[in-house]
Amino acid sequence: MQDQNNILPAAVLVTLFKDTLVLPEKEIKSVENEEKAIITAIGKEAIATTPTNEVVNELKSSTPVPIKYLGDHLKKIIVLVNDNNAVHLNETDLGLLSSILNACKLTLADIALINIAQQPLALHEMLITLPSLFVISFDITSAQLKIKLPTTLYKPIVLGETQILFSNSLQSMQGAEQNAKLEKSKLWNALKLLFKL
């Protein structure tokens, strides 16, 4: 038997449930798609909160942007470069990147290589189109990606469900000089931590 003191008055119930409690089937699917978009875009925090109309409208307006990239994104990894003279990446740096990926037991098919010099995109635009677990950024600052994070080199940063690693340029790792070897070593140590190698 329910205690009469614990029942809310009808006027309070009406204010708590301003929208319809029972939705037609086609509206249920629409709401489910909006909730999935919010969870994808915002991360774990969205699961525990109810989306506001403002958030839903913002997500609707941020439709996936067509992005040109090299690779198949099989392992949900984005690699960002900034090469003004190539569509994706110059041949020398691409060779080094392939070696680095190979050392991590990955191939070009596992990643999406995006050259932001040819298509300046914010990180959230890339993650809406290509949801990823890892983002490796070569010679690109957080300001260029339009995110408010420190650009700390070689230390993985967690952003929602994505880990971001900032690195110096691939160009700085070319050759047999001591500085190049040191940069490669720093990157390798960070990648071992990132990919648990």
N, C-alpha and C. Protein backbone atom coordinates (compact mmCIF):
# COMPACT_ATOMS: atom_id res chain seq x y z
N MET A 1 0.84 -1.18 0.00
CA MET A 1 0.00 0.00 0.00
C MET A 1 0.89 1.24 0.00
N GLN A 2 0.59 2.20 -0.92
CA GLN A 2 1.41 3.39 -1.06
C GLN A 2 1.04 4.42 -0.01
N ASP A 3 2.04 5.13 0.45
CA ASP A 3 1.84 6.22 1.39
C ASP A 3 1.35 7.44 0.61
N GLN A 4 0.22 8.03 0.98
CA GLN A 4 -0.38 9.16 0.29
C GLN A 4 0.53 10.40 0.31
N ASN A 5 1.43 10.49 1.28
CA ASN A 5 2.32 11.65 1.37
C ASN A 5 3.42 11.64 0.30
N ASN A 6 3.70 10.46 -0.29
CA ASN A 6 4.76 10.34 -1.29
C ASN A 6 4.27 10.55 -2.72
N ILE A 7 2.99 10.78 -2.91
CA ILE A 7 2.44 10.97 -4.26
C ILE A 7 2.50 12.46 -4.59
N LEU A 8 3.05 12.76 -5.78
CA LEU A 8 3.16 14.15 -6.22
C LEU A 8 1.82 14.67 -6.73
N PRO A 9 1.51 15.92 -6.48
CA PRO A 9 0.27 16.50 -7.01
C PRO A 9 0.32 16.53 -8.54
N ALA A 10 -0.83 16.50 -9.17
CA ALA A 10 -0.93 16.49 -10.63
C ALA A 10 -0.25 17.68 -11.27
N ALA A 11 -0.34 18.86 -10.64
CA ALA A 11 0.28 20.07 -11.20
C ALA A 11 1.80 19.91 -11.29
N VAL A 12 2.40 19.25 -10.30
CA VAL A 12 3.85 19.03 -10.32
C VAL A 12 4.21 18.03 -11.41
N LEU A 13 3.40 16.97 -11.53
CA LEU A 13 3.65 15.97 -12.57
C LEU A 13 3.60 16.59 -13.96
N VAL A 14 2.65 17.48 -14.19
CA VAL A 14 2.51 18.12 -15.50
C VAL A 14 3.77 18.93 -15.81
N THR A 15 4.32 19.64 -14.84
CA THR A 15 5.53 20.44 -15.10
C THR A 15 6.75 19.56 -15.30
N LEU A 16 6.79 18.40 -14.66
CA LEU A 16 7.92 17.49 -14.83
C LEU A 16 7.91 16.82 -16.20
N PHE A 17 6.74 16.53 -16.70
CA PHE A 17 6.59 15.83 -17.98
C PHE A 17 5.86 16.73 -18.97
N LYS A 18 6.57 17.77 -19.45
CA LYS A 18 5.97 18.72 -20.37
C LYS A 18 5.71 18.09 -21.73
N ASP A 19 6.57 17.18 -22.15
CA ASP A 19 6.40 16.53 -23.45
C ASP A 19 5.60 15.25 -23.28
N THR A 20 5.14 14.71 -24.39
CA THR A 20 4.35 13.48 -24.39
C THR A 20 5.19 12.31 -23.88
N LEU A 21 4.59 11.50 -23.05
CA LEU A 21 5.31 10.34 -22.53
C LEU A 21 5.29 9.17 -23.51
N VAL A 22 4.26 9.05 -24.31
CA VAL A 22 4.15 7.97 -25.29
C VAL A 22 4.31 8.59 -26.67
N LEU A 23 5.33 8.12 -27.39
CA LEU A 23 5.60 8.67 -28.72
C LEU A 23 5.18 7.68 -29.80
N PRO A 24 4.71 8.19 -30.96
CA PRO A 24 4.46 7.30 -32.09
C PRO A 24 5.77 6.63 -32.49
N GLU A 25 5.69 5.46 -33.14
CA GLU A 25 6.87 4.66 -33.45
C GLU A 25 7.89 5.41 -34.29
N LYS A 26 7.44 6.20 -35.27
CA LYS A 26 8.41 6.90 -36.12
C LYS A 26 9.17 7.97 -35.32
N GLU A 27 8.55 8.58 -34.32
CA GLU A 27 9.24 9.56 -33.49
C GLU A 27 10.22 8.90 -32.54
N ILE A 28 9.95 7.68 -32.11
CA ILE A 28 10.86 6.95 -31.23
C ILE A 28 12.20 6.74 -31.94
N LYS A 29 12.15 6.34 -33.22
CA LYS A 29 13.37 6.12 -33.98
C LYS A 29 14.14 7.42 -34.13
N SER A 30 13.46 8.53 -34.35
CA SER A 30 14.10 9.83 -34.48
C SER A 30 14.80 10.21 -33.18
N VAL A 31 14.13 10.01 -32.06
CA VAL A 31 14.72 10.33 -30.75
C VAL A 31 15.93 9.44 -30.48
N GLU A 32 15.85 8.14 -30.83
CA GLU A 32 16.97 7.23 -30.62
C GLU A 32 18.18 7.69 -31.43
N ASN A 33 17.96 8.11 -32.68
CA ASN A 33 19.07 8.58 -33.51
C ASN A 33 19.71 9.84 -32.93
N GLU A 34 18.89 10.76 -32.39
CA GLU A 34 19.42 11.97 -31.77
C GLU A 34 20.24 11.63 -30.54
N GLU A 35 19.75 10.67 -29.73
CA GLU A 35 20.48 10.29 -28.53
C GLU A 35 21.81 9.66 -28.89
N LYS A 36 21.85 8.81 -29.95
CA LYS A 36 23.11 8.20 -30.36
C LYS A 36 24.09 9.27 -30.82
N ALA A 37 23.59 10.27 -31.56
CA ALA A 37 24.47 11.35 -32.02
C ALA A 37 25.04 12.11 -30.83
N ILE A 38 24.24 12.33 -29.81
CA ILE A 38 24.71 13.06 -28.63
C ILE A 38 25.76 12.24 -27.90
N ILE A 39 25.52 10.96 -27.74
CA ILE A 39 26.48 10.10 -27.04
C ILE A 39 27.79 10.04 -27.83
N THR A 40 27.72 9.95 -29.16
CA THR A 40 28.93 9.91 -29.96
C THR A 40 29.69 11.22 -29.87
N ALA A 41 28.97 12.33 -29.94
CA ALA A 41 29.64 13.63 -29.99
C ALA A 41 30.17 14.08 -28.64
N ILE A 42 29.47 13.80 -27.57
CA ILE A 42 29.84 14.34 -26.27
C ILE A 42 30.59 13.33 -25.42
N GLY A 43 30.33 12.06 -25.58
CA GLY A 43 31.03 11.05 -24.80
C GLY A 43 30.20 10.51 -23.67
N LYS A 44 30.84 9.92 -22.69
CA LYS A 44 30.16 9.22 -21.60
C LYS A 44 29.22 10.11 -20.81
N GLU A 45 29.56 11.40 -20.67
CA GLU A 45 28.74 12.30 -19.86
C GLU A 45 27.31 12.39 -20.39
N ALA A 46 27.13 12.22 -21.70
CA ALA A 46 25.80 12.37 -22.30
C ALA A 46 24.85 11.25 -21.88
N ILE A 47 25.37 10.12 -21.51
CA ILE A 47 24.52 8.99 -21.13
C ILE A 47 23.70 9.32 -19.89
N ALA A 48 24.30 10.05 -18.97
CA ALA A 48 23.64 10.33 -17.70
C ALA A 48 22.76 11.58 -17.74
N THR A 49 22.80 12.33 -18.84
CA THR A 49 22.04 13.56 -18.90
C THR A 49 20.99 13.51 -20.00
N THR A 50 19.98 14.34 -19.86
CA THR A 50 18.94 14.43 -20.88
C THR A 50 19.33 15.56 -21.83
N PRO A 51 19.29 15.32 -23.14
CA PRO A 51 19.69 16.36 -24.07
C PRO A 51 18.70 17.51 -24.08
N THR A 52 19.22 18.72 -24.15
CA THR A 52 18.35 19.88 -24.28
C THR A 52 18.12 20.13 -25.77
N ASN A 53 17.09 20.90 -26.08
CA ASN A 53 16.83 21.22 -27.48
C ASN A 53 18.01 21.94 -28.11
N GLU A 54 18.70 22.77 -27.32
CA GLU A 54 19.85 23.50 -27.80
C GLU A 54 20.96 22.55 -28.25
N VAL A 55 21.24 21.52 -27.43
CA VAL A 55 22.28 20.54 -27.76
C VAL A 55 21.88 19.75 -29.00
N VAL A 56 20.63 19.31 -29.06
CA VAL A 56 20.15 18.54 -30.21
C VAL A 56 20.26 19.36 -31.48
N ASN A 57 19.85 20.63 -31.42
CA ASN A 57 19.92 21.49 -32.60
C ASN A 57 21.36 21.72 -33.03
N GLU A 58 22.27 21.88 -32.06
CA GLU A 58 23.69 22.07 -32.38
C GLU A 58 24.25 20.85 -33.09
N LEU A 59 23.88 19.66 -32.61
CA LEU A 59 24.37 18.43 -33.24
C LEU A 59 23.78 18.24 -34.63
N LYS A 60 22.51 18.62 -34.81
CA LYS A 60 21.90 18.51 -36.13
C LYS A 60 22.61 19.42 -37.12
N SER A 61 23.02 20.61 -36.64
CA SER A 61 23.68 21.55 -37.53
C SER A 61 25.11 21.11 -37.86
N SER A 62 25.72 20.28 -36.99
CA SER A 62 27.08 19.81 -37.27
C SER A 62 27.01 18.46 -37.97
N THR A 63 26.58 18.51 -39.22
CA THR A 63 26.50 17.29 -40.03
C THR A 63 27.91 16.86 -40.43
N PRO A 64 28.11 15.59 -40.68
CA PRO A 64 29.44 15.11 -41.06
C PRO A 64 29.98 15.86 -42.28
N VAL A 65 31.24 16.26 -42.18
CA VAL A 65 31.90 16.99 -43.25
C VAL A 65 32.62 15.98 -44.13
N PRO A 66 32.54 16.11 -45.47
CA PRO A 66 33.31 15.18 -46.30
C PRO A 66 34.81 15.44 -46.09
N ILE A 67 35.53 14.40 -45.75
CA ILE A 67 36.96 14.53 -45.46
C ILE A 67 37.75 13.64 -46.41
N LYS A 68 38.80 14.22 -47.00
CA LYS A 68 39.70 13.44 -47.84
C LYS A 68 40.79 12.86 -46.95
N TYR A 69 40.96 11.55 -47.04
CA TYR A 69 42.00 10.92 -46.23
C TYR A 69 42.55 9.70 -46.94
N LEU A 70 43.74 9.30 -46.53
CA LEU A 70 44.41 8.13 -47.07
C LEU A 70 44.28 7.01 -46.04
N GLY A 71 43.91 5.82 -46.48
CA GLY A 71 43.75 4.69 -45.57
C GLY A 71 42.29 4.28 -45.49
N ASP A 72 42.04 3.24 -44.69
CA ASP A 72 40.67 2.70 -44.56
C ASP A 72 40.08 2.88 -43.17
N HIS A 73 40.87 3.41 -42.22
CA HIS A 73 40.38 3.69 -40.86
C HIS A 73 39.87 2.42 -40.16
N LEU A 74 40.51 1.28 -40.45
CA LEU A 74 40.04 -0.01 -39.92
C LEU A 74 40.17 -0.12 -38.40
N LYS A 75 41.22 0.49 -37.83
CA LYS A 75 41.43 0.38 -36.38
C LYS A 75 41.01 1.66 -35.65
N LYS A 76 40.27 2.52 -36.33
CA LYS A 76 39.74 3.76 -35.73
C LYS A 76 40.86 4.66 -35.18
N ILE A 77 41.86 4.88 -36.05
CA ILE A 77 42.99 5.75 -35.72
C ILE A 77 43.07 6.86 -36.76
N ILE A 78 43.16 8.09 -36.30
CA ILE A 78 43.39 9.22 -37.20
C ILE A 78 44.82 9.68 -37.01
N VAL A 79 45.53 9.88 -38.12
CA VAL A 79 46.87 10.45 -38.09
C VAL A 79 46.79 11.79 -38.82
N LEU A 80 47.16 12.86 -38.12
CA LEU A 80 47.09 14.21 -38.68
C LEU A 80 48.48 14.72 -39.03
N VAL A 81 48.60 15.28 -40.23
CA VAL A 81 49.85 15.89 -40.67
C VAL A 81 49.54 17.27 -41.23
N ASN A 82 50.60 18.05 -41.45
CA ASN A 82 50.44 19.40 -41.96
C ASN A 82 51.48 19.61 -43.05
N ASP A 83 51.17 19.15 -44.26
CA ASP A 83 52.11 19.19 -45.38
C ASP A 83 51.53 20.06 -46.49
N ASN A 84 52.08 21.26 -46.66
CA ASN A 84 51.59 22.20 -47.67
C ASN A 84 51.86 21.75 -49.10
N ASN A 85 52.83 20.85 -49.29
CA ASN A 85 53.27 20.50 -50.64
C ASN A 85 52.77 19.15 -51.14
N ALA A 86 51.86 18.52 -50.42
CA ALA A 86 51.37 17.20 -50.84
C ALA A 86 49.88 17.09 -50.61
N VAL A 87 49.25 16.21 -51.36
CA VAL A 87 47.82 15.97 -51.17
C VAL A 87 47.60 15.34 -49.80
N HIS A 88 48.36 14.28 -49.51
CA HIS A 88 48.26 13.63 -48.20
C HIS A 88 49.55 13.83 -47.40
N LEU A 89 50.67 13.36 -47.96
CA LEU A 89 51.95 13.45 -47.28
C LEU A 89 53.06 13.18 -48.29
N ASN A 90 54.17 13.91 -48.17
CA ASN A 90 55.28 13.68 -49.12
C ASN A 90 55.83 12.27 -48.96
N GLU A 91 56.50 11.81 -50.00
CA GLU A 91 56.94 10.41 -50.07
C GLU A 91 57.90 10.02 -48.95
N THR A 92 58.83 10.92 -48.60
CA THR A 92 59.82 10.63 -47.56
C THR A 92 59.14 10.44 -46.20
N ASP A 93 58.26 11.38 -45.85
CA ASP A 93 57.56 11.29 -44.57
C ASP A 93 56.59 10.12 -44.54
N LEU A 94 55.98 9.82 -45.70
CA LEU A 94 55.07 8.67 -45.78
C LEU A 94 55.82 7.37 -45.53
N GLY A 95 57.04 7.28 -46.04
CA GLY A 95 57.88 6.09 -45.80
C GLY A 95 58.18 5.93 -44.31
N LEU A 96 58.52 7.05 -43.65
CA LEU A 96 58.80 7.00 -42.20
C LEU A 96 57.54 6.64 -41.43
N LEU A 97 56.40 7.25 -41.80
CA LEU A 97 55.14 6.93 -41.12
C LEU A 97 54.80 5.45 -41.28
N SER A 98 55.02 4.90 -42.47
CA SER A 98 54.76 3.46 -42.69
C SER A 98 55.62 2.61 -41.78
N SER A 99 56.89 3.00 -41.60
CA SER A 99 57.80 2.27 -40.70
C SER A 99 57.31 2.34 -39.26
N ILE A 100 56.87 3.53 -38.85
CA ILE A 100 56.37 3.71 -37.48
C ILE A 100 55.12 2.84 -37.27
N LEU A 101 54.22 2.87 -38.24
CA LEU A 101 53.00 2.05 -38.14
C LEU A 101 53.36 0.57 -38.08
N ASN A 102 54.30 0.15 -38.90
CA ASN A 102 54.72 -1.25 -38.93
C ASN A 102 55.27 -1.67 -37.57
N ALA A 103 56.04 -0.80 -36.94
CA ALA A 103 56.58 -1.10 -35.60
C ALA A 103 55.45 -1.26 -34.58
N CYS A 104 54.32 -0.59 -34.82
CA CYS A 104 53.14 -0.69 -33.93
C CYS A 104 52.19 -1.80 -34.37
N LYS A 105 52.64 -2.62 -35.34
CA LYS A 105 51.82 -3.70 -35.88
C LYS A 105 50.55 -3.16 -36.56
N LEU A 106 50.72 -2.05 -37.27
CA LEU A 106 49.62 -1.41 -38.00
C LEU A 106 50.05 -1.18 -39.44
N THR A 107 49.07 -0.91 -40.30
CA THR A 107 49.35 -0.56 -41.69
C THR A 107 48.59 0.72 -42.04
N LEU A 108 48.82 1.24 -43.23
CA LEU A 108 48.08 2.43 -43.67
C LEU A 108 46.58 2.15 -43.73
N ALA A 109 46.19 0.91 -43.95
CA ALA A 109 44.76 0.57 -43.99
C ALA A 109 44.10 0.75 -42.62
N ASP A 110 44.88 0.67 -41.55
CA ASP A 110 44.33 0.78 -40.20
C ASP A 110 44.01 2.22 -39.79
N ILE A 111 44.57 3.18 -40.52
CA ILE A 111 44.44 4.59 -40.11
C ILE A 111 43.68 5.40 -41.16
N ALA A 112 43.36 6.63 -40.78
CA ALA A 112 42.89 7.64 -41.73
C ALA A 112 43.91 8.77 -41.64
N LEU A 113 44.71 8.93 -42.69
CA LEU A 113 45.74 9.97 -42.73
C LEU A 113 45.11 11.24 -43.31
N ILE A 114 45.07 12.29 -42.49
CA ILE A 114 44.43 13.55 -42.90
C ILE A 114 45.48 14.65 -42.89
N ASN A 115 45.58 15.35 -44.02
CA ASN A 115 46.49 16.48 -44.14
C ASN A 115 45.69 17.76 -43.91
N ILE A 116 45.86 18.38 -42.75
CA ILE A 116 45.04 19.57 -42.45
C ILE A 116 45.51 20.82 -43.20
N ALA A 117 46.68 20.75 -43.85
CA ALA A 117 47.11 21.88 -44.67
C ALA A 117 46.20 22.02 -45.89
N GLN A 118 45.66 20.90 -46.36
CA GLN A 118 44.79 20.90 -47.54
C GLN A 118 43.31 21.06 -47.18
N GLN A 119 42.96 20.76 -45.95
CA GLN A 119 41.57 20.88 -45.48
C GLN A 119 41.58 21.19 -43.99
N PRO A 120 41.63 22.47 -43.65
CA PRO A 120 41.68 22.84 -42.23
C PRO A 120 40.37 22.50 -41.53
N LEU A 121 40.42 21.51 -40.67
CA LEU A 121 39.22 21.03 -39.97
C LEU A 121 39.44 21.07 -38.47
N ALA A 122 38.36 21.27 -37.74
CA ALA A 122 38.41 21.16 -36.29
C ALA A 122 38.37 19.67 -35.93
N LEU A 123 38.95 19.33 -34.79
CA LEU A 123 38.98 17.93 -34.36
C LEU A 123 37.58 17.35 -34.26
N HIS A 124 36.61 18.12 -33.73
CA HIS A 124 35.26 17.58 -33.57
C HIS A 124 34.63 17.26 -34.93
N GLU A 125 34.97 18.02 -35.97
CA GLU A 125 34.45 17.71 -37.31
C GLU A 125 34.99 16.37 -37.80
N MET A 126 36.27 16.14 -37.54
CA MET A 126 36.87 14.87 -37.96
C MET A 126 36.28 13.70 -37.19
N LEU A 127 36.09 13.89 -35.87
CA LEU A 127 35.57 12.79 -35.05
C LEU A 127 34.10 12.49 -35.32
N ILE A 128 33.33 13.48 -35.79
CA ILE A 128 31.94 13.21 -36.18
C ILE A 128 31.92 12.32 -37.41
N THR A 129 32.78 12.64 -38.39
CA THR A 129 32.84 11.85 -39.62
C THR A 129 33.57 10.53 -39.42
N LEU A 130 34.66 10.57 -38.67
CA LEU A 130 35.49 9.38 -38.45
C LEU A 130 35.68 9.14 -36.95
N PRO A 131 34.67 8.59 -36.27
CA PRO A 131 34.83 8.32 -34.83
C PRO A 131 36.09 7.47 -34.60
N SER A 132 36.94 7.91 -33.68
CA SER A 132 38.24 7.26 -33.50
C SER A 132 38.59 7.06 -32.04
N LEU A 133 39.39 6.03 -31.80
CA LEU A 133 39.90 5.76 -30.46
C LEU A 133 41.19 6.52 -30.21
N PHE A 134 41.96 6.75 -31.30
CA PHE A 134 43.26 7.40 -31.18
C PHE A 134 43.42 8.46 -32.26
N VAL A 135 44.05 9.57 -31.88
CA VAL A 135 44.43 10.62 -32.83
C VAL A 135 45.90 10.93 -32.58
N ILE A 136 46.71 10.78 -33.63
CA ILE A 136 48.14 11.10 -33.53
C ILE A 136 48.37 12.31 -34.42
N SER A 137 48.86 13.37 -33.81
CA SER A 137 48.99 14.66 -34.49
C SER A 137 50.46 15.05 -34.64
N PHE A 138 50.93 15.13 -35.89
CA PHE A 138 52.32 15.48 -36.16
C PHE A 138 52.43 16.96 -36.51
N ASP A 139 53.14 17.72 -35.66
CA ASP A 139 53.41 19.14 -35.89
C ASP A 139 52.14 19.98 -36.06
N ILE A 140 51.15 19.69 -35.22
CA ILE A 140 49.88 20.42 -35.24
C ILE A 140 49.53 20.74 -33.79
N THR A 141 49.15 21.97 -33.53
CA THR A 141 48.82 22.37 -32.17
C THR A 141 47.34 22.14 -31.88
N SER A 142 47.01 22.16 -30.60
CA SER A 142 45.60 22.03 -30.22
C SER A 142 44.79 23.21 -30.73
N ALA A 143 45.40 24.39 -30.81
CA ALA A 143 44.69 25.57 -31.33
C ALA A 143 44.30 25.37 -32.80
N GLN A 144 45.19 24.73 -33.58
CA GLN A 144 44.87 24.45 -34.98
C GLN A 144 43.70 23.47 -35.09
N LEU A 145 43.54 22.61 -34.10
CA LEU A 145 42.44 21.63 -34.09
C LEU A 145 41.19 22.18 -33.42
N LYS A 146 41.29 23.43 -32.94
CA LYS A 146 40.18 24.13 -32.27
C LYS A 146 39.70 23.39 -31.02
N ILE A 147 40.67 22.94 -30.23
CA ILE A 147 40.35 22.31 -28.94
C ILE A 147 41.13 23.02 -27.85
N LYS A 148 40.55 23.06 -26.66
CA LYS A 148 41.19 23.73 -25.53
C LYS A 148 41.91 22.71 -24.67
N LEU A 149 43.03 22.24 -25.19
CA LEU A 149 43.89 21.29 -24.47
C LEU A 149 45.32 21.76 -24.60
N PRO A 150 46.15 21.41 -23.66
CA PRO A 150 47.57 21.76 -23.83
C PRO A 150 48.20 20.91 -24.94
N THR A 151 49.10 21.50 -25.70
CA THR A 151 49.79 20.75 -26.74
C THR A 151 51.06 20.18 -26.12
N THR A 152 50.90 19.19 -25.26
CA THR A 152 52.03 18.55 -24.59
C THR A 152 52.51 17.41 -25.47
N LEU A 153 53.76 17.51 -25.90
CA LEU A 153 54.30 16.50 -26.81
C LEU A 153 54.55 15.17 -26.10
N TYR A 154 54.22 14.10 -26.81
CA TYR A 154 54.53 12.73 -26.42
C TYR A 154 53.88 12.27 -25.12
N LYS A 155 52.79 12.89 -24.73
CA LYS A 155 52.03 12.44 -23.56
C LYS A 155 50.57 12.30 -23.99
N PRO A 156 50.03 11.08 -24.04
CA PRO A 156 48.63 10.91 -24.47
C PRO A 156 47.67 11.69 -23.58
N ILE A 157 46.71 12.34 -24.23
CA ILE A 157 45.68 13.13 -23.54
C ILE A 157 44.34 12.48 -23.85
N VAL A 158 43.52 12.28 -22.83
CA VAL A 158 42.21 11.66 -23.02
C VAL A 158 41.16 12.75 -23.24
N LEU A 159 40.40 12.61 -24.32
CA LEU A 159 39.31 13.52 -24.64
C LEU A 159 38.09 12.64 -24.93
N GLY A 160 37.20 12.49 -23.93
CA GLY A 160 36.06 11.58 -24.09
C GLY A 160 36.58 10.16 -24.21
N GLU A 161 36.24 9.50 -25.32
CA GLU A 161 36.70 8.13 -25.55
C GLU A 161 37.89 8.08 -26.50
N THR A 162 38.44 9.25 -26.82
CA THR A 162 39.55 9.34 -27.76
C THR A 162 40.82 9.76 -27.02
N GLN A 163 41.94 9.12 -27.36
CA GLN A 163 43.23 9.52 -26.82
C GLN A 163 43.99 10.26 -27.92
N ILE A 164 44.53 11.43 -27.56
CA ILE A 164 45.25 12.26 -28.52
C ILE A 164 46.72 12.30 -28.14
N LEU A 165 47.57 12.15 -29.14
CA LEU A 165 49.01 12.23 -28.92
C LEU A 165 49.58 13.29 -29.86
N PHE A 166 50.19 14.32 -29.28
CA PHE A 166 50.85 15.36 -30.06
C PHE A 166 52.32 15.01 -30.21
N SER A 167 52.85 15.20 -31.42
CA SER A 167 54.24 14.87 -31.72
C SER A 167 54.85 15.98 -32.57
N ASN A 168 56.19 16.05 -32.57
CA ASN A 168 56.86 16.92 -33.52
C ASN A 168 56.66 16.35 -34.92
N SER A 169 57.10 17.08 -35.92
CA SER A 169 56.88 16.67 -37.31
C SER A 169 57.65 15.40 -37.66
N LEU A 170 57.15 14.70 -38.66
CA LEU A 170 57.87 13.54 -39.18
C LEU A 170 59.20 13.99 -39.78
N GLN A 171 59.21 15.19 -40.36
CA GLN A 171 60.43 15.75 -40.95
C GLN A 171 61.55 15.84 -39.92
N SER A 172 61.20 16.17 -38.66
CA SER A 172 62.22 16.31 -37.61
C SER A 172 62.81 14.96 -37.20
N MET A 173 62.20 13.86 -37.65
CA MET A 173 62.67 12.51 -37.30
C MET A 173 63.44 11.86 -38.44
N GLN A 174 63.61 12.60 -39.53
CA GLN A 174 64.33 12.06 -40.69
C GLN A 174 65.84 12.13 -40.47
N GLY A 175 66.54 11.13 -40.94
CA GLY A 175 68.00 11.13 -40.90
C GLY A 175 68.57 10.41 -39.70
N ALA A 176 69.91 10.40 -39.65
CA ALA A 176 70.61 9.65 -38.60
C ALA A 176 71.23 10.56 -37.55
N GLU A 177 70.89 11.85 -37.59
CA GLU A 177 71.43 12.78 -36.60
C GLU A 177 70.87 12.49 -35.22
N GLN A 178 71.58 12.97 -34.19
CA GLN A 178 71.18 12.71 -32.80
C GLN A 178 69.78 13.27 -32.49
N ASN A 179 69.48 14.49 -32.97
CA ASN A 179 68.16 15.09 -32.72
C ASN A 179 67.03 14.26 -33.31
N ALA A 180 67.24 13.76 -34.53
CA ALA A 180 66.22 12.93 -35.19
C ALA A 180 66.01 11.63 -34.42
N LYS A 181 67.12 11.03 -33.98
CA LYS A 181 67.01 9.79 -33.20
C LYS A 181 66.27 10.02 -31.88
N LEU A 182 66.55 11.17 -31.25
CA LEU A 182 65.90 11.50 -29.98
C LEU A 182 64.38 11.68 -30.17
N GLU A 183 63.99 12.37 -31.24
CA GLU A 183 62.56 12.57 -31.53
C GLU A 183 61.87 11.23 -31.79
N LYS A 184 62.52 10.37 -32.58
CA LYS A 184 61.95 9.03 -32.85
C LYS A 184 61.80 8.23 -31.57
N SER A 185 62.79 8.33 -30.70
CA SER A 185 62.75 7.61 -29.43
C SER A 185 61.59 8.10 -28.55
N LYS A 186 61.41 9.41 -28.47
CA LYS A 186 60.31 9.97 -27.69
C LYS A 186 58.96 9.51 -28.24
N LEU A 187 58.84 9.54 -29.58
CA LEU A 187 57.59 9.10 -30.21
C LEU A 187 57.35 7.62 -29.93
N TRP A 188 58.38 6.81 -30.08
CA TRP A 188 58.23 5.37 -29.88
C TRP A 188 57.78 5.06 -28.45
N ASN A 189 58.38 5.72 -27.47
CA ASN A 189 57.98 5.50 -26.07
C ASN A 189 56.52 5.88 -25.85
N ALA A 190 56.08 6.98 -26.46
CA ALA A 190 54.68 7.42 -26.33
C ALA A 190 53.73 6.45 -27.03
N LEU A 191 54.14 5.94 -28.19
CA LEU A 191 53.29 4.99 -28.93
C LEU A 191 53.17 3.66 -28.17
N LYS A 192 54.24 3.24 -27.53
CA LYS A 192 54.19 2.00 -26.73
C LYS A 192 53.16 2.16 -25.61
N LEU A 193 53.14 3.32 -25.00
CA LEU A 193 52.18 3.60 -23.94
C LEU A 193 50.75 3.67 -24.50
N LEU A 194 50.60 4.37 -25.63
CA LEU A 194 49.29 4.56 -26.24
C LEU A 194 48.68 3.24 -26.69
N PHE A 195 49.45 2.41 -27.39
CA PHE A 195 48.94 1.16 -27.96
C PHE A 195 49.23 -0.07 -27.10
N LYS A 196 49.79 0.17 -25.88
CA LYS A 196 50.11 -0.92 -24.96
C LYS A 196 50.97 -1.98 -25.61
N LEU A 197 52.08 -1.56 -26.21
CA LEU A 197 52.99 -2.48 -26.91
C LEU A 197 54.05 -3.01 -25.96
